[in-house]
Amino acid sequence: MYVQSINGISGIKTRLARLVDRADDELCMDQDEWAYRLGWTVERTGFGARRYRNPLFDLQKAERIYAGGDVGENVAA
C-alpha cells in the first residue's frame, strides 16, 4: 500500500515535469524554429531560456587561428 502512494506521487511529478516541458517548448517554439531554419544550434538553459549559436562564428574563429591572427583582436576594424 505504501509503495502505491510513492508510485502515485512519482507519477504526479512525472506528469508535472512533462507539462512544464511542454509549456517551455510552446513558449520558445517560434524562436527555436527560426534558429533551426538558419542552421543555428539551440541549447535549453532553463525554463523559457535558450542559447542560440551560429556555427559560422566557430568557423570564423578557427580561420583566424589558422591564419595566425589573435582571436581576441578586433577584426571588424
PDB file of N, CA and C in Angstrom:
ATOM      1  N   MET A   1       0.828  -1.190   0.000  1.00  0.00           N
ATOM      2  CA  MET A   1       0.000   0.000   0.000  1.00  0.00           C
ATOM      3  C   MET A   1       0.869   1.249   0.000  1.00  0.00           C
ATOM      4  N   TYR A   2       1.901   1.279   0.801  1.00  0.00           N
ATOM      5  CA  TYR A   2       2.785   2.424   0.856  1.00  0.00           C
ATOM      6  C   TYR A   2       3.506   2.631  -0.477  1.00  0.00           C
ATOM      7  N   VAL A   3       3.889   1.555  -1.142  1.00  0.00           N
ATOM      8  CA  VAL A   3       4.566   1.635  -2.437  1.00  0.00           C
ATOM      9  C   VAL A   3       3.641   2.273  -3.467  1.00  0.00           C
ATOM     10  N   GLN A   4       2.358   1.984  -3.401  1.00  0.00           N
ATOM     11  CA  GLN A   4       1.417   2.578  -4.344  1.00  0.00           C
ATOM     12  C   GLN A   4       1.353   4.092  -4.184  1.00  0.00           C
ATOM     13  N   SER A   5       1.410   4.575  -2.961  1.00  0.00           N
ATOM     14  CA  SER A   5       1.349   6.019  -2.758  1.00  0.00           C
ATOM     15  C   SER A   5       2.624   6.694  -3.269  1.00  0.00           C
ATOM     16  N   ILE A   6       3.767   6.017  -3.146  1.00  0.00           N
ATOM     17  CA  ILE A   6       5.010   6.571  -3.688  1.00  0.00           C
ATOM     18  C   ILE A   6       4.933   6.600  -5.211  1.00  0.00           C
ATOM     19  N   ASN A   7       4.423   5.515  -5.811  1.00  0.00           N
ATOM     20  CA  ASN A   7       4.272   5.497  -7.259  1.00  0.00           C
ATOM     21  C   ASN A   7       3.304   6.583  -7.704  1.00  0.00           C
ATOM     22  N   GLY A   8       2.277   6.828  -6.929  1.00  0.00           N
ATOM     23  CA  GLY A   8       1.329   7.879  -7.265  1.00  0.00           C
ATOM     24  C   GLY A   8       1.979   9.252  -7.234  1.00  0.00           C
ATOM     25  N   ILE A   9       2.794   9.506  -6.235  1.00  0.00           N
ATOM     26  CA  ILE A   9       3.486  10.789  -6.134  1.00  0.00           C
ATOM     27  C   ILE A   9       4.493  10.937  -7.259  1.00  0.00           C
ATOM     28  N   SER A  10       5.242   9.884  -7.572  1.00  0.00           N
ATOM     29  CA  SER A  10       6.210   9.984  -8.661  1.00  0.00           C
ATOM     30  C   SER A  10       5.500  10.143 -10.000  1.00  0.00           C
ATOM     31  N   GLY A  11       4.324   9.537 -10.125  1.00  0.00           N
ATOM     32  CA  GLY A  11       3.545   9.723 -11.347  1.00  0.00           C
ATOM     33  C   GLY A  11       3.084  11.160 -11.512  1.00  0.00           C
ATOM     34  N   ILE A  12       2.699  11.764 -10.402  1.00  0.00           N
ATOM     35  CA  ILE A  12       2.289  13.175 -10.441  1.00  0.00           C
ATOM     36  C   ILE A  12       3.476  14.054 -10.802  1.00  0.00           C
ATOM     37  N   LYS A  13       4.644  13.766 -10.205  1.00  0.00           N
ATOM     38  CA  LYS A  13       5.845  14.535 -10.521  1.00  0.00           C
ATOM     39  C   LYS A  13       6.208  14.403 -12.000  1.00  0.00           C
ATOM     40  N   THR A  14       6.085  13.199 -12.523  1.00  0.00           N
ATOM     41  CA  THR A  14       6.389  12.975 -13.936  1.00  0.00           C
ATOM     42  C   THR A  14       5.435  13.760 -14.819  1.00  0.00           C
ATOM     43  N   ARG A  15       4.159  13.732 -14.480  1.00  0.00           N
ATOM     44  CA  ARG A  15       3.164  14.488 -15.259  1.00  0.00           C
ATOM     45  C   ARG A  15       3.437  15.985 -15.215  1.00  0.00           C
ATOM     46  N   LEU A  16       3.758  16.495 -14.038  1.00  0.00           N
ATOM     47  CA  LEU A  16       4.059  17.922 -13.907  1.00  0.00           C
ATOM     48  C   LEU A  16       5.312  18.296 -14.713  1.00  0.00           C
ATOM     49  N   ALA A  17       6.327  17.439 -14.673  1.00  0.00           N
ATOM     50  CA  ALA A  17       7.542  17.709 -15.439  1.00  0.00           C
ATOM     51  C   ALA A  17       7.250  17.742 -16.932  1.00  0.00           C
ATOM     52  N   ARG A  18       6.389  16.841 -17.396  1.00  0.00           N
ATOM     53  CA  ARG A  18       6.007  16.841 -18.813  1.00  0.00           C
ATOM     54  C   ARG A  18       5.234  18.099 -19.177  1.00  0.00           C
ATOM     55  N   LEU A  19       4.346  18.539 -18.298  1.00  0.00           N
ATOM     56  CA  LEU A  19       3.599  19.772 -18.549  1.00  0.00           C
ATOM     57  C   LEU A  19       4.522  20.994 -18.611  1.00  0.00           C
ATOM     58  N   VAL A  20       5.492  21.036 -17.724  1.00  0.00           N
ATOM     59  CA  VAL A  20       6.444  22.149 -17.723  1.00  0.00           C
ATOM     60  C   VAL A  20       7.282  22.126 -19.004  1.00  0.00           C
ATOM     61  N   ASP A  21       7.730  20.933 -19.419  1.00  0.00           N
ATOM     62  CA  ASP A  21       8.494  20.820 -20.670  1.00  0.00           C
ATOM     63  C   ASP A  21       7.664  21.256 -21.868  1.00  0.00           C
ATOM     64  N   ARG A  22       6.417  20.846 -21.893  1.00  0.00           N
ATOM     65  CA  ARG A  22       5.540  21.218 -23.000  1.00  0.00           C
ATOM     66  C   ARG A  22       5.312  22.729 -23.020  1.00  0.00           C
ATOM     67  N   ALA A  23       5.106  23.324 -21.848  1.00  0.00           N
ATOM     68  CA  ALA A  23       4.922  24.777 -21.774  1.00  0.00           C
ATOM     69  C   ALA A  23       6.189  25.500 -22.231  1.00  0.00           C
ATOM     70  N   ASP A  24       7.353  24.987 -21.850  1.00  0.00           N
ATOM     71  CA  ASP A  24       8.622  25.570 -22.266  1.00  0.00           C
ATOM     72  C   ASP A  24       8.783  25.498 -23.783  1.00  0.00           C
ATOM     73  N   ASP A  25       8.450  24.354 -24.365  1.00  0.00           N
ATOM     74  CA  ASP A  25       8.526  24.197 -25.818  1.00  0.00           C
ATOM     75  C   ASP A  25       7.580  25.151 -26.535  1.00  0.00           C
ATOM     76  N   GLU A  26       6.357  25.278 -26.014  1.00  0.00           N
ATOM     77  CA  GLU A  26       5.380  26.183 -26.629  1.00  0.00           C
ATOM     78  C   GLU A  26       5.831  27.635 -26.529  1.00  0.00           C
ATOM     79  N   LEU A  27       6.429  27.989 -25.409  1.00  0.00           N
ATOM     80  CA  LEU A  27       6.867  29.357 -25.181  1.00  0.00           C
ATOM     81  C   LEU A  27       7.962  29.779 -26.158  1.00  0.00           C
ATOM     82  N   CYS A  28       8.866  28.878 -26.476  1.00  0.00           N
ATOM     83  CA  CYS A  28      10.028  29.219 -27.310  1.00  0.00           C
ATOM     84  C   CYS A  28       9.950  28.640 -28.722  1.00  0.00           C
ATOM     85  N   MET A  29       8.795  28.123 -29.115  1.00  0.00           N
ATOM     86  CA  MET A  29       8.673  27.433 -30.390  1.00  0.00           C
ATOM     87  C   MET A  29       9.055  28.307 -31.584  1.00  0.00           C
ATOM     88  N   ASP A  30       8.555  29.527 -31.642  1.00  0.00           N
ATOM     89  CA  ASP A  30       8.825  30.390 -32.796  1.00  0.00           C
ATOM     90  C   ASP A  30      10.310  30.709 -32.922  1.00  0.00           C
ATOM     91  N   GLN A  31      10.946  31.059 -31.825  1.00  0.00           N
ATOM     92  CA  GLN A  31      12.363  31.393 -31.867  1.00  0.00           C
ATOM     93  C   GLN A  31      13.209  30.176 -32.222  1.00  0.00           C
ATOM     94  N   ASP A  32      12.833  29.005 -31.679  1.00  0.00           N
ATOM     95  CA  ASP A  32      13.581  27.790 -31.986  1.00  0.00           C
ATOM     96  C   ASP A  32      13.471  27.433 -33.468  1.00  0.00           C
ATOM     97  N   GLU A  33      12.275  27.528 -34.029  1.00  0.00           N
ATOM     98  CA  GLU A  33      12.093  27.229 -35.448  1.00  0.00           C
ATOM     99  C   GLU A  33      12.898  28.195 -36.310  1.00  0.00           C
ATOM    100  N   TRP A  34      12.910  29.472 -35.941  1.00  0.00           N
ATOM    101  CA  TRP A  34      13.678  30.465 -36.673  1.00  0.00           C
ATOM    102  C   TRP A  34      15.170  30.114 -36.649  1.00  0.00           C
ATOM    103  N   ALA A  35      15.666  29.755 -35.472  1.00  0.00           N
ATOM    104  CA  ALA A  35      17.087  29.418 -35.344  1.00  0.00           C
ATOM    105  C   ALA A  35      17.423  28.150 -36.129  1.00  0.00           C
ATOM    106  N   TYR A  36      16.572  27.140 -36.078  1.00  0.00           N
ATOM    107  CA  TYR A  36      16.833  25.905 -36.823  1.00  0.00           C
ATOM    108  C   TYR A  36      16.838  26.169 -38.331  1.00  0.00           C
ATOM    109  N   ARG A  37      15.936  27.038 -38.807  1.00  0.00           N
ATOM    110  CA  ARG A  37      15.911  27.363 -40.241  1.00  0.00           C
ATOM    111  C   ARG A  37      17.197  28.049 -40.673  1.00  0.00           C
ATOM    112  N   LEU A  38      17.803  28.820 -39.780  1.00  0.00           N
ATOM    113  CA  LEU A  38      19.064  29.490 -40.089  1.00  0.00           C
ATOM    114  C   LEU A  38      20.268  28.569 -39.931  1.00  0.00           C
ATOM    115  N   GLY A  39      20.045  27.367 -39.401  1.00  0.00           N
ATOM    116  CA  GLY A  39      21.139  26.423 -39.194  1.00  0.00           C
ATOM    117  C   GLY A  39      21.881  26.633 -37.886  1.00  0.00           C
ATOM    118  N   TRP A  40      21.285  27.355 -36.974  1.00  0.00           N
ATOM    119  CA  TRP A  40      21.902  27.617 -35.683  1.00  0.00           C
ATOM    120  C   TRP A  40      21.636  26.457 -34.732  1.00  0.00           C
ATOM    121  N   THR A  41      22.434  26.384 -33.678  1.00  0.00           N
ATOM    122  CA  THR A  41      22.204  25.392 -32.636  1.00  0.00           C
ATOM    123  C   THR A  41      21.390  26.042 -31.522  1.00  0.00           C
ATOM    124  N   VAL A  42      20.563  25.236 -30.882  1.00  0.00           N
ATOM    125  CA  VAL A  42      19.701  25.722 -29.801  1.00  0.00           C
ATOM    126  C   VAL A  42      19.994  24.884 -28.566  1.00  0.00           C
ATOM    127  N   GLU A  43      20.306  25.562 -27.474  1.00  0.00           N
ATOM    128  CA  GLU A  43      20.588  24.879 -26.213  1.00  0.00           C
ATOM    129  C   GLU A  43      19.639  25.408 -25.143  1.00  0.00           C
ATOM    130  N   ARG A  44      18.894  24.504 -24.524  1.00  0.00           N
ATOM    131  CA  ARG A  44      17.997  24.902 -23.432  1.00  0.00           C
ATOM    132  C   ARG A  44      18.822  25.155 -22.187  1.00  0.00           C
ATOM    133  N   THR A  45      18.625  26.329 -21.587  1.00  0.00           N
ATOM    134  CA  THR A  45      19.388  26.668 -20.383  1.00  0.00           C
ATOM    135  C   THR A  45      18.500  26.832 -19.161  1.00  0.00           C
ATOM    136  N   GLY A  46      17.203  26.723 -19.345  1.00  0.00           N
ATOM    137  CA  GLY A  46      16.269  26.866 -18.237  1.00  0.00           C
ATOM    138  C   GLY A  46      14.876  27.049 -18.790  1.00  0.00           C
ATOM    139  N   PHE A  47      13.917  27.245 -17.910  1.00  0.00           N
ATOM    140  CA  PHE A  47      12.544  27.407 -18.372  1.00  0.00           C
ATOM    141  C   PHE A  47      12.413  28.719 -19.124  1.00  0.00           C
ATOM    142  N   GLY A  48      12.091  28.627 -20.404  1.00  0.00           N
ATOM    143  CA  GLY A  48      11.933  29.802 -21.238  1.00  0.00           C
ATOM    144  C   GLY A  48      13.242  30.455 -21.637  1.00  0.00           C
ATOM    145  N   ALA A  49      14.347  29.810 -21.347  1.00  0.00           N
ATOM    146  CA  ALA A  49      15.660  30.376 -21.673  1.00  0.00           C
ATOM    147  C   ALA A  49      16.378  29.473 -22.667  1.00  0.00           C
ATOM    148  N   ARG A  50      16.956  30.092 -23.673  1.00  0.00           N
ATOM    149  CA  ARG A  50      17.683  29.361 -24.707  1.00  0.00           C
ATOM    150  C   ARG A  50      18.991  30.068 -24.997  1.00  0.00           C
ATOM    151  N   ARG A  51      19.939  29.305 -25.501  1.00  0.00           N
ATOM    152  CA  ARG A  51      21.184  29.871 -26.010  1.00  0.00           C
ATOM    153  C   ARG A  51      21.244  29.497 -27.484  1.00  0.00           C
ATOM    154  N   TYR A  52      21.223  30.509 -28.335  1.00  0.00           N
ATOM    155  CA  TYR A  52      21.273  30.303 -29.776  1.00  0.00           C
ATOM    156  C   TYR A  52      22.692  30.599 -30.252  1.00  0.00           C
ATOM    157  N   ARG A  53      23.201  29.718 -31.102  1.00  0.00           N
ATOM    158  CA  ARG A  53      24.589  29.853 -31.550  1.00  0.00           C
ATOM    159  C   ARG A  53      24.674  29.632 -33.048  1.00  0.00           C
ATOM    160  N   ASN A  54      25.297  30.587 -33.729  1.00  0.00           N
ATOM    161  CA  ASN A  54      25.543  30.460 -35.150  1.00  0.00           C
ATOM    162  C   ASN A  54      26.864  29.720 -35.332  1.00  0.00           C
ATOM    163  N   PRO A  55      26.873  28.548 -35.972  1.00  0.00           N
ATOM    164  CA  PRO A  55      28.114  27.791 -36.124  1.00  0.00           C
ATOM    165  C   PRO A  55      29.152  28.505 -36.984  1.00  0.00           C
ATOM    166  N   LEU A  56      28.748  29.502 -37.749  1.00  0.00           N
ATOM    167  CA  LEU A  56      29.720  30.250 -38.542  1.00  0.00           C
ATOM    168  C   LEU A  56      30.702  31.014 -37.657  1.00  0.00           C
ATOM    169  N   PHE A  57      30.282  31.379 -36.441  1.00  0.00           N
ATOM    170  CA  PHE A  57      31.198  32.046 -35.523  1.00  0.00           C
ATOM    171  C   PHE A  57      32.379  31.139 -35.196  1.00  0.00           C
ATOM    172  N   ASP A  58      32.114  29.861 -34.993  1.00  0.00           N
ATOM    173  CA  ASP A  58      33.184  28.916 -34.700  1.00  0.00           C
ATOM    174  C   ASP A  58      34.106  28.753 -35.905  1.00  0.00           C
ATOM    175  N   LEU A  59      33.534  28.740 -37.104  1.00  0.00           N
ATOM    176  CA  LEU A  59      34.325  28.606 -38.319  1.00  0.00           C
ATOM    177  C   LEU A  59      35.227  29.826 -38.508  1.00  0.00           C
ATOM    178  N   GLN A  60      34.683  31.021 -38.295  1.00  0.00           N
ATOM    179  CA  GLN A  60      35.484  32.232 -38.431  1.00  0.00           C
ATOM    180  C   GLN A  60      36.607  32.280 -37.406  1.00  0.00           C
ATOM    181  N   LYS A  61      36.325  31.829 -36.194  1.00  0.00           N
ATOM    182  CA  LYS A  61      37.346  31.790 -35.153  1.00  0.00           C
ATOM    183  C   LYS A  61      38.450  30.823 -35.545  1.00  0.00           C
ATOM    184  N   ALA A  62      38.088  29.659 -36.063  1.00  0.00           N
ATOM    185  CA  ALA A  62      39.080  28.672 -36.484  1.00  0.00           C
ATOM    186  C   ALA A  62      39.919  29.211 -37.632  1.00  0.00           C
ATOM    187  N   GLU A  63      39.300  29.943 -38.556  1.00  0.00           N
ATOM    188  CA  GLU A  63      40.056  30.511 -39.673  1.00  0.00           C
ATOM    189  C   GLU A  63      41.055  31.553 -39.194  1.00  0.00           C
ATOM    190  N   ARG A  64      40.664  32.371 -38.220  1.00  0.00           N
ATOM    191  CA  ARG A  64      41.595  33.374 -37.684  1.00  0.00           C
ATOM    192  C   ARG A  64      42.753  32.704 -36.966  1.00  0.00           C
ATOM    193  N   ILE A  65      42.464  31.652 -36.231  1.00  0.00           N
ATOM    194  CA  ILE A  65      43.531  30.936 -35.533  1.00  0.00           C
ATOM    195  C   ILE A  65      44.478  30.307 -36.551  1.00  0.00           C
ATOM    196  N   TYR A  66      43.920  29.708 -37.588  1.00  0.00           N
ATOM    197  CA  TYR A  66      44.726  29.047 -38.616  1.00  0.00           C
ATOM    198  C   TYR A  66      45.585  30.075 -39.364  1.00  0.00           C
ATOM    199  N   ALA A  67      45.048  31.276 -39.586  1.00  0.00           N
ATOM    200  CA  ALA A  67      45.766  32.308 -40.289  1.00  0.00           C
ATOM    201  C   ALA A  67      46.827  32.986 -39.399  1.00  0.00           C
ATOM    202  N   GLY A  68      46.828  32.671 -38.131  1.00  0.00           N
ATOM    203  CA  GLY A  68      47.828  33.224 -37.213  1.00  0.00           C
ATOM    204  C   GLY A  68      47.379  34.493 -36.536  1.00  0.00           C
ATOM    205  N   GLY A  69      46.149  34.879 -36.731  1.00  0.00           N
ATOM    206  CA  GLY A  69      45.641  36.094 -36.088  1.00  0.00           C
ATOM    207  C   GLY A  69      45.271  35.832 -34.645  1.00  0.00           C
ATOM    208  N   ASP A  70      45.253  36.888 -33.871  1.00  0.00           N
ATOM    209  CA  ASP A  70      44.853  36.779 -32.479  1.00  0.00           C
ATOM    210  C   ASP A  70      43.338  36.691 -32.422  1.00  0.00           C
ATOM    211  N   VAL A  71      42.830  35.736 -31.686  1.00  0.00           N
ATOM    212  CA  VAL A  71      41.386  35.520 -31.603  1.00  0.00           C
ATOM    213  C   VAL A  71      40.711  36.711 -30.932  1.00  0.00           C
ATOM    214  N   GLY A  72      41.387  37.374 -30.009  1.00  0.00           N
ATOM    215  CA  GLY A  72      40.781  38.471 -29.279  1.00  0.00           C
ATOM    216  C   GLY A  72      40.872  39.811 -29.988  1.00  0.00           C
ATOM    217  N   GLU A  73      41.563  39.894 -31.117  1.00  0.00           N
ATOM    218  CA  GLU A  73      41.706  41.182 -31.794  1.00  0.00           C
ATOM    219  C   GLU A  73      40.427  41.580 -32.501  1.00  0.00           C
ATOM    220  N   ASN A  74      40.277  42.848 -32.734  1.00  0.00           N
ATOM    221  CA  ASN A  74      39.078  43.379 -33.379  1.00  0.00           C
ATOM    222  C   ASN A  74      39.247  43.244 -34.889  1.00  0.00           C
ATOM    223  N   VAL A  75      38.528  42.318 -35.500  1.00  0.00           N
ATOM    224  CA  VAL A  75      38.638  42.087 -36.936  1.00  0.00           C
ATOM    225  C   VAL A  75      37.667  42.942 -37.723  1.00  0.00           C
ATOM    226  N   ALA A  76      36.746  43.622 -37.047  1.00  0.00           N
ATOM    227  CA  ALA A  76      35.765  44.441 -37.741  1.00  0.00           C
ATOM    228  C   ALA A  76      36.356  45.799 -38.125  1.00  0.00           C
ATOM    229  N   ALA A  77      37.496  46.157 -37.561  1.00  0.00           N
ATOM    230  CA  ALA A  77      38.115  47.467 -37.823  1.00  0.00           C
ATOM    231  C   ALA A  77      38.707  47.465 -39.167  1.00  0.00           C
TER     232      ALA A  77
END
